[in-house]
N, C-alpha and C. Protein backbone atom coordinates (compact mmCIF):
# COMPACT_ATOMS: atom_id res chain seq x y z
N UNK A 1 0.84 -1.19 0.00
CA UNK A 1 0.00 0.00 0.00
C UNK A 1 0.87 1.24 0.00
N UNK A 2 0.26 2.35 -0.22
CA UNK A 2 1.00 3.61 -0.29
C UNK A 2 1.25 4.15 1.11
N UNK A 3 2.43 4.65 1.30
CA UNK A 3 2.81 5.27 2.56
C UNK A 3 2.64 6.76 2.40
N UNK A 4 1.60 7.35 2.99
CA UNK A 4 1.36 8.79 2.83
C UNK A 4 1.87 9.51 4.07
N UNK A 5 2.74 10.46 3.80
CA UNK A 5 3.27 11.30 4.87
C UNK A 5 3.04 12.74 4.51
N UNK A 6 2.74 13.55 5.51
CA UNK A 6 2.53 14.97 5.32
C UNK A 6 3.50 15.68 6.25
N UNK A 7 4.24 16.64 5.68
CA UNK A 7 5.23 17.36 6.49
C UNK A 7 4.53 18.21 7.53
N UNK A 8 4.82 18.00 8.84
CA UNK A 8 4.13 18.74 9.88
C UNK A 8 4.56 20.19 9.97
N UNK A 9 5.74 20.55 9.45
CA UNK A 9 6.22 21.92 9.61
C UNK A 9 5.73 22.86 8.51
N UNK A 10 5.02 22.37 7.53
CA UNK A 10 4.50 23.23 6.47
C UNK A 10 3.03 23.50 6.70
N UNK A 11 2.57 24.72 6.36
CA UNK A 11 1.13 24.98 6.44
C UNK A 11 0.41 24.09 5.43
N UNK A 12 -0.86 23.77 5.66
CA UNK A 12 -1.60 22.84 4.81
C UNK A 12 -1.55 23.20 3.32
N UNK A 13 -1.50 24.48 2.95
CA UNK A 13 -1.51 24.86 1.54
C UNK A 13 -0.20 24.50 0.86
N UNK A 14 0.90 24.31 1.61
CA UNK A 14 2.20 24.04 1.01
C UNK A 14 2.63 22.59 1.19
N UNK A 15 1.80 21.75 1.78
CA UNK A 15 2.18 20.38 2.06
C UNK A 15 2.22 19.55 0.78
N UNK A 16 3.16 18.61 0.73
CA UNK A 16 3.32 17.70 -0.38
C UNK A 16 3.29 16.29 0.16
N UNK A 17 2.49 15.43 -0.46
CA UNK A 17 2.41 14.04 -0.03
C UNK A 17 3.27 13.20 -0.96
N UNK A 18 4.04 12.26 -0.40
CA UNK A 18 4.85 11.35 -1.18
C UNK A 18 4.21 9.99 -1.12
N UNK A 19 4.14 9.33 -2.26
CA UNK A 19 3.50 8.03 -2.28
C UNK A 19 4.50 6.96 -2.67
N UNK A 20 4.51 5.86 -1.98
CA UNK A 20 5.30 4.68 -2.29
C UNK A 20 6.78 4.95 -2.49
N UNK A 21 7.44 4.04 -3.21
CA UNK A 21 8.86 4.15 -3.44
C UNK A 21 9.15 4.61 -4.86
N UNK A 22 8.15 5.07 -5.60
CA UNK A 22 8.35 5.48 -6.98
C UNK A 22 8.94 6.87 -7.07
N UNK A 23 8.90 7.63 -6.02
CA UNK A 23 9.41 8.99 -6.07
C UNK A 23 8.40 9.97 -6.64
N UNK A 24 7.14 9.60 -6.69
CA UNK A 24 6.10 10.46 -7.21
C UNK A 24 5.59 11.33 -6.08
N UNK A 25 5.44 12.62 -6.36
CA UNK A 25 4.93 13.54 -5.35
C UNK A 25 3.64 14.13 -5.87
N UNK A 26 2.76 14.46 -4.94
CA UNK A 26 1.51 15.09 -5.29
C UNK A 26 1.49 16.46 -4.65
N UNK A 27 1.36 17.48 -5.49
CA UNK A 27 1.31 18.86 -5.02
C UNK A 27 -0.09 19.12 -4.46
N UNK A 28 -0.26 20.20 -3.66
CA UNK A 28 -1.56 20.50 -3.06
C UNK A 28 -2.69 20.60 -4.07
N UNK A 29 -2.40 21.01 -5.31
CA UNK A 29 -3.46 21.13 -6.32
C UNK A 29 -3.80 19.80 -6.96
N UNK A 30 -3.14 18.71 -6.54
CA UNK A 30 -3.43 17.40 -7.07
C UNK A 30 -2.54 17.03 -8.26
N UNK A 31 -1.55 17.86 -8.59
CA UNK A 31 -0.66 17.58 -9.70
C UNK A 31 0.42 16.60 -9.27
N UNK A 32 0.65 15.56 -10.05
CA UNK A 32 1.69 14.59 -9.73
C UNK A 32 2.94 14.88 -10.54
N UNK A 33 4.10 14.75 -9.94
CA UNK A 33 5.38 14.94 -10.59
C UNK A 33 6.28 13.78 -10.24
N UNK A 34 7.09 13.37 -11.15
CA UNK A 34 8.08 12.34 -10.88
C UNK A 34 9.41 13.06 -10.66
N UNK A 35 10.09 12.76 -9.58
CA UNK A 35 11.33 13.47 -9.24
C UNK A 35 12.38 13.37 -10.32
N UNK A 36 12.48 12.21 -10.97
CA UNK A 36 13.51 12.03 -11.98
C UNK A 36 13.27 12.90 -13.21
N UNK A 37 12.01 13.28 -13.48
CA UNK A 37 11.73 14.08 -14.66
C UNK A 37 11.88 15.58 -14.42
N UNK A 38 12.06 15.98 -13.19
CA UNK A 38 12.23 17.40 -12.90
C UNK A 38 13.65 17.83 -13.24
N UNK A 39 13.75 18.90 -14.01
CA UNK A 39 15.06 19.47 -14.30
C UNK A 39 15.25 20.66 -13.38
N UNK A 40 16.45 20.86 -12.89
CA UNK A 40 16.68 22.06 -12.10
C UNK A 40 16.41 23.28 -12.96
N UNK A 41 15.98 24.33 -12.31
CA UNK A 41 15.64 25.56 -13.02
C UNK A 41 16.79 26.07 -13.87
N UNK A 42 18.00 26.00 -13.36
CA UNK A 42 19.14 26.50 -14.11
C UNK A 42 19.36 25.71 -15.40
N UNK A 43 19.05 24.41 -15.40
CA UNK A 43 19.19 23.60 -16.60
C UNK A 43 18.15 24.01 -17.65
N UNK A 44 16.95 24.29 -17.21
CA UNK A 44 15.90 24.73 -18.12
C UNK A 44 16.25 26.09 -18.71
N UNK A 45 16.74 27.00 -17.86
CA UNK A 45 17.15 28.32 -18.34
C UNK A 45 18.31 28.20 -19.31
N UNK A 46 19.26 27.32 -19.04
CA UNK A 46 20.41 27.14 -19.92
C UNK A 46 19.95 26.59 -21.27
N UNK A 47 19.02 25.64 -21.26
CA UNK A 47 18.50 25.08 -22.51
C UNK A 47 17.80 26.15 -23.33
N UNK A 48 17.06 27.01 -22.67
CA UNK A 48 16.38 28.10 -23.38
C UNK A 48 17.38 29.08 -23.98
N UNK A 49 18.44 29.38 -23.22
CA UNK A 49 19.47 30.29 -23.74
C UNK A 49 20.16 29.69 -24.96
N UNK A 50 20.50 28.43 -24.89
CA UNK A 50 21.15 27.75 -26.02
C UNK A 50 20.22 27.77 -27.23
N UNK A 51 18.95 27.50 -27.03
CA UNK A 51 17.98 27.50 -28.13
C UNK A 51 17.87 28.89 -28.74
N UNK A 52 17.85 29.92 -27.90
CA UNK A 52 17.79 31.30 -28.42
C UNK A 52 19.02 31.62 -29.25
N UNK A 53 20.19 31.21 -28.77
CA UNK A 53 21.43 31.46 -29.50
C UNK A 53 21.42 30.72 -30.83
N UNK A 54 21.02 29.44 -30.82
CA UNK A 54 20.94 28.67 -32.06
C UNK A 54 19.96 29.28 -33.05
N UNK A 55 18.81 29.70 -32.55
CA UNK A 55 17.81 30.33 -33.42
C UNK A 55 18.36 31.62 -34.03
N UNK A 56 19.09 32.38 -33.24
CA UNK A 56 19.70 33.63 -33.74
C UNK A 56 20.75 33.32 -34.80
N UNK A 57 21.57 32.30 -34.57
CA UNK A 57 22.60 31.93 -35.54
C UNK A 57 21.97 31.51 -36.86
N UNK A 58 20.94 30.66 -36.79
CA UNK A 58 20.26 30.21 -38.01
C UNK A 58 19.63 31.41 -38.73
N UNK A 59 19.03 32.31 -37.98
CA UNK A 59 18.40 33.49 -38.57
C UNK A 59 19.43 34.38 -39.26
N UNK A 60 20.57 34.60 -38.62
CA UNK A 60 21.62 35.44 -39.21
C UNK A 60 22.19 34.78 -40.46
N UNK A 61 22.46 33.49 -40.39
CA UNK A 61 22.99 32.78 -41.57
C UNK A 61 22.01 32.83 -42.74
N UNK A 62 20.74 32.65 -42.45
CA UNK A 62 19.73 32.72 -43.49
C UNK A 62 19.71 34.11 -44.12
N UNK A 63 19.78 35.13 -43.29
CA UNK A 63 19.78 36.51 -43.78
C UNK A 63 20.99 36.79 -44.66
N UNK A 64 22.15 36.30 -44.25
CA UNK A 64 23.37 36.51 -45.04
C UNK A 64 23.26 35.81 -46.40
N UNK A 65 22.78 34.59 -46.41
CA UNK A 65 22.62 33.85 -47.67
C UNK A 65 21.66 34.58 -48.60
N UNK A 66 20.52 35.00 -48.07
CA UNK A 66 19.53 35.72 -48.89
C UNK A 66 20.12 37.04 -49.38
N UNK A 67 20.89 37.72 -48.55
CA UNK A 67 21.51 38.99 -48.96
C UNK A 67 22.52 38.78 -50.09
N UNK A 68 23.33 37.73 -50.00
CA UNK A 68 24.31 37.44 -51.06
C UNK A 68 23.58 37.19 -52.38
N UNK A 69 22.53 36.40 -52.34
CA UNK A 69 21.77 36.12 -53.55
C UNK A 69 21.12 37.40 -54.11
N UNK A 70 20.58 38.22 -53.23
CA UNK A 70 19.94 39.47 -53.67
C UNK A 70 20.96 40.44 -54.27
N UNK A 71 22.13 40.54 -53.65
CA UNK A 71 23.17 41.43 -54.18
C UNK A 71 23.61 40.95 -55.56
N UNK A 72 23.73 39.65 -55.74
CA UNK A 72 24.11 39.13 -57.05
C UNK A 72 23.04 39.48 -58.10
N UNK A 73 21.79 39.35 -57.73
CA UNK A 73 20.71 39.72 -58.66
C UNK A 73 20.83 41.19 -59.05
N UNK A 74 21.10 42.05 -58.08
CA UNK A 74 21.24 43.48 -58.35
C UNK A 74 22.45 43.74 -59.26
N UNK A 75 23.57 43.08 -58.98
CA UNK A 75 24.77 43.25 -59.81
C UNK A 75 24.49 42.87 -61.26
N UNK A 76 23.77 41.75 -61.47
CA UNK A 76 23.46 41.31 -62.83
C UNK A 76 22.46 42.26 -63.48
N UNK A 77 21.44 42.65 -62.74
CA UNK A 77 20.39 43.51 -63.30
C UNK A 77 20.93 44.87 -63.75
N UNK A 78 21.89 45.39 -63.00
CA UNK A 78 22.44 46.70 -63.33
C UNK A 78 23.80 46.62 -64.02
N UNK A 79 24.12 45.42 -64.52
CA UNK A 79 25.34 45.17 -65.29
C UNK A 79 26.60 45.69 -64.58
N UNK A 80 26.81 45.19 -63.37
CA UNK A 80 28.01 45.58 -62.61
C UNK A 80 29.25 45.10 -63.35
N UNK A 81 30.35 45.76 -63.09
CA UNK A 81 31.63 45.47 -63.72
C UNK A 81 32.11 44.08 -63.29
N UNK A 82 32.13 43.13 -64.21
CA UNK A 82 32.54 41.76 -63.87
C UNK A 82 34.04 41.64 -63.63
N UNK A 83 34.80 42.67 -63.93
CA UNK A 83 36.24 42.65 -63.64
C UNK A 83 36.50 43.03 -62.18
N UNK A 84 35.49 43.57 -61.52
CA UNK A 84 35.63 43.98 -60.13
C UNK A 84 35.68 42.75 -59.23
N UNK A 85 36.62 42.75 -58.27
CA UNK A 85 36.80 41.60 -57.38
C UNK A 85 35.55 41.33 -56.53
N UNK A 86 34.90 42.36 -56.01
CA UNK A 86 33.70 42.18 -55.20
C UNK A 86 32.59 41.52 -56.01
N UNK A 87 32.40 41.98 -57.24
CA UNK A 87 31.36 41.43 -58.10
C UNK A 87 31.65 39.96 -58.39
N UNK A 88 32.91 39.63 -58.69
CA UNK A 88 33.28 38.23 -58.96
C UNK A 88 33.10 37.36 -57.73
N UNK A 89 33.49 37.89 -56.54
CA UNK A 89 33.35 37.12 -55.30
C UNK A 89 31.89 36.83 -55.00
N UNK A 90 31.05 37.84 -55.08
CA UNK A 90 29.62 37.66 -54.81
C UNK A 90 29.01 36.70 -55.83
N UNK A 91 29.42 36.80 -57.08
CA UNK A 91 28.91 35.89 -58.11
C UNK A 91 29.30 34.44 -57.80
N UNK A 92 30.52 34.24 -57.33
CA UNK A 92 30.97 32.88 -56.96
C UNK A 92 30.18 32.32 -55.80
N UNK A 93 30.01 33.14 -54.77
CA UNK A 93 29.23 32.69 -53.60
C UNK A 93 27.79 32.41 -54.00
N UNK A 94 27.20 33.32 -54.76
CA UNK A 94 25.80 33.16 -55.17
C UNK A 94 25.64 31.90 -56.02
N UNK A 95 26.60 31.65 -56.90
CA UNK A 95 26.52 30.45 -57.72
C UNK A 95 26.55 29.18 -56.88
N UNK A 96 27.41 29.18 -55.84
CA UNK A 96 27.46 28.03 -54.94
C UNK A 96 26.18 27.89 -54.13
N UNK A 97 25.64 29.01 -53.67
CA UNK A 97 24.43 28.97 -52.83
C UNK A 97 23.17 28.64 -53.62
N UNK A 98 23.16 28.98 -54.90
CA UNK A 98 21.97 28.73 -55.71
C UNK A 98 21.94 27.32 -56.27
N UNK A 99 22.98 26.56 -56.08
CA UNK A 99 23.22 25.21 -56.58
C UNK A 99 22.18 24.69 -57.56
N UNK A 100 21.14 24.03 -57.15
CA UNK A 100 20.17 23.41 -58.05
C UNK A 100 19.20 24.40 -58.68
N UNK A 101 19.18 25.62 -58.21
CA UNK A 101 18.20 26.59 -58.70
C UNK A 101 18.74 27.45 -59.85
N UNK A 102 20.03 27.33 -60.18
CA UNK A 102 20.63 28.20 -61.19
C UNK A 102 19.97 28.08 -62.56
N UNK A 103 19.44 26.92 -62.90
CA UNK A 103 18.88 26.74 -64.24
C UNK A 103 17.48 26.13 -64.24
N UNK A 104 16.71 26.42 -63.21
CA UNK A 104 15.34 25.90 -63.15
C UNK A 104 14.52 26.49 -64.31
N UNK A 105 14.60 27.80 -64.47
CA UNK A 105 13.92 28.48 -65.57
C UNK A 105 14.97 29.02 -66.53
N UNK A 106 14.69 28.98 -67.83
CA UNK A 106 15.67 29.42 -68.81
C UNK A 106 15.06 30.38 -69.84
N UNK A 107 14.65 31.56 -69.38
CA UNK A 107 14.15 32.54 -70.34
C UNK A 107 15.31 33.05 -71.22
N UNK A 108 14.98 33.68 -72.33
CA UNK A 108 16.00 34.17 -73.26
C UNK A 108 16.85 35.28 -72.64
N UNK A 109 16.23 36.10 -71.82
CA UNK A 109 16.95 37.23 -71.20
C UNK A 109 17.75 36.75 -69.98
N UNK A 110 19.07 36.96 -70.02
CA UNK A 110 19.95 36.49 -68.93
C UNK A 110 19.60 37.17 -67.60
N UNK A 111 19.29 38.46 -67.65
CA UNK A 111 18.95 39.18 -66.41
C UNK A 111 17.71 38.57 -65.75
N UNK A 112 16.71 38.27 -66.55
CA UNK A 112 15.48 37.67 -66.03
C UNK A 112 15.77 36.27 -65.49
N UNK A 113 16.62 35.52 -66.18
CA UNK A 113 16.98 34.17 -65.73
C UNK A 113 17.63 34.23 -64.35
N UNK A 114 18.58 35.14 -64.16
CA UNK A 114 19.26 35.27 -62.86
C UNK A 114 18.26 35.72 -61.80
N UNK A 115 17.44 36.71 -62.12
CA UNK A 115 16.48 37.23 -61.14
C UNK A 115 15.52 36.14 -60.68
N UNK A 116 15.00 35.37 -61.61
CA UNK A 116 14.00 34.35 -61.26
C UNK A 116 14.65 33.19 -60.51
N UNK A 117 15.73 32.65 -61.05
CA UNK A 117 16.34 31.46 -60.45
C UNK A 117 17.01 31.76 -59.11
N UNK A 118 17.78 32.82 -59.04
CA UNK A 118 18.45 33.15 -57.79
C UNK A 118 17.44 33.69 -56.77
N UNK A 119 16.40 34.35 -57.26
CA UNK A 119 15.32 34.79 -56.37
C UNK A 119 14.57 33.61 -55.78
N UNK A 120 14.37 32.58 -56.59
CA UNK A 120 13.73 31.35 -56.11
C UNK A 120 14.60 30.69 -55.04
N UNK A 121 15.89 30.63 -55.27
CA UNK A 121 16.81 30.06 -54.27
C UNK A 121 16.73 30.86 -52.97
N UNK A 122 16.72 32.19 -53.08
CA UNK A 122 16.64 33.03 -51.88
C UNK A 122 15.35 32.78 -51.13
N UNK A 123 14.26 32.63 -51.85
CA UNK A 123 12.96 32.37 -51.22
C UNK A 123 12.97 31.03 -50.49
N UNK A 124 13.54 30.01 -51.10
CA UNK A 124 13.61 28.70 -50.47
C UNK A 124 14.45 28.76 -49.19
N UNK A 125 15.61 29.43 -49.27
CA UNK A 125 16.44 29.59 -48.07
C UNK A 125 15.68 30.32 -46.97
N UNK A 126 14.96 31.37 -47.35
CA UNK A 126 14.22 32.15 -46.36
C UNK A 126 13.13 31.31 -45.70
N UNK A 127 12.39 30.56 -46.46
CA UNK A 127 11.31 29.73 -45.90
C UNK A 127 11.89 28.63 -45.00
N UNK A 128 12.90 27.93 -45.48
CA UNK A 128 13.49 26.86 -44.67
C UNK A 128 14.12 27.44 -43.40
N UNK A 129 14.77 28.58 -43.52
CA UNK A 129 15.36 29.22 -42.34
C UNK A 129 14.32 29.57 -41.29
N UNK A 130 13.19 30.13 -41.73
CA UNK A 130 12.12 30.50 -40.80
C UNK A 130 11.54 29.25 -40.13
N UNK A 131 11.39 28.18 -40.89
CA UNK A 131 10.86 26.94 -40.32
C UNK A 131 11.81 26.40 -39.26
N UNK A 132 13.11 26.38 -39.57
CA UNK A 132 14.10 25.86 -38.60
C UNK A 132 14.14 26.73 -37.36
N UNK A 133 14.11 28.04 -37.51
CA UNK A 133 14.10 28.94 -36.36
C UNK A 133 12.86 28.68 -35.49
N UNK A 134 11.71 28.52 -36.14
CA UNK A 134 10.49 28.23 -35.39
C UNK A 134 10.56 26.91 -34.63
N UNK A 135 11.12 25.89 -35.26
CA UNK A 135 11.26 24.60 -34.59
C UNK A 135 12.21 24.68 -33.39
N UNK A 136 13.31 25.38 -33.57
CA UNK A 136 14.26 25.54 -32.47
C UNK A 136 13.61 26.25 -31.30
N UNK A 137 12.89 27.31 -31.59
CA UNK A 137 12.23 28.06 -30.51
C UNK A 137 11.13 27.24 -29.85
N UNK A 138 10.43 26.44 -30.62
CA UNK A 138 9.37 25.60 -30.06
C UNK A 138 9.94 24.52 -29.16
N UNK A 139 11.08 23.96 -29.52
CA UNK A 139 11.69 22.90 -28.73
C UNK A 139 12.29 23.42 -27.43
N UNK A 140 12.51 24.71 -27.35
CA UNK A 140 13.07 25.29 -26.13
C UNK A 140 12.02 25.34 -25.13
């Protein structure tokens, strides 16, 4: 049978009853908790901090990727100097980031092709990034 004990030094509203050897406690409102499943408050706070940091990192990385793709679209649309080192660097990064999206659509106009395909890649990165950030925050 269950061994019910009530702490005599606590007022009735704060008393907790312990039942059996399972380590289950019953709070005054009737809520049961298992001692092994309780995390110390500092562990919960630390987990939340880590999740916030991870969510921020994913958000920043997503923003940087989308910005690189957008800058490349602008460079192509306004015919930036391809001999310029910055333009070549951004084009290289954008080409790597757009991987499978570089030739999804193939209109005759090169500017339109870059805008549509690299814009599609940016949109996919943005959506996936938002989903991952939401999942990280939800798991915290």
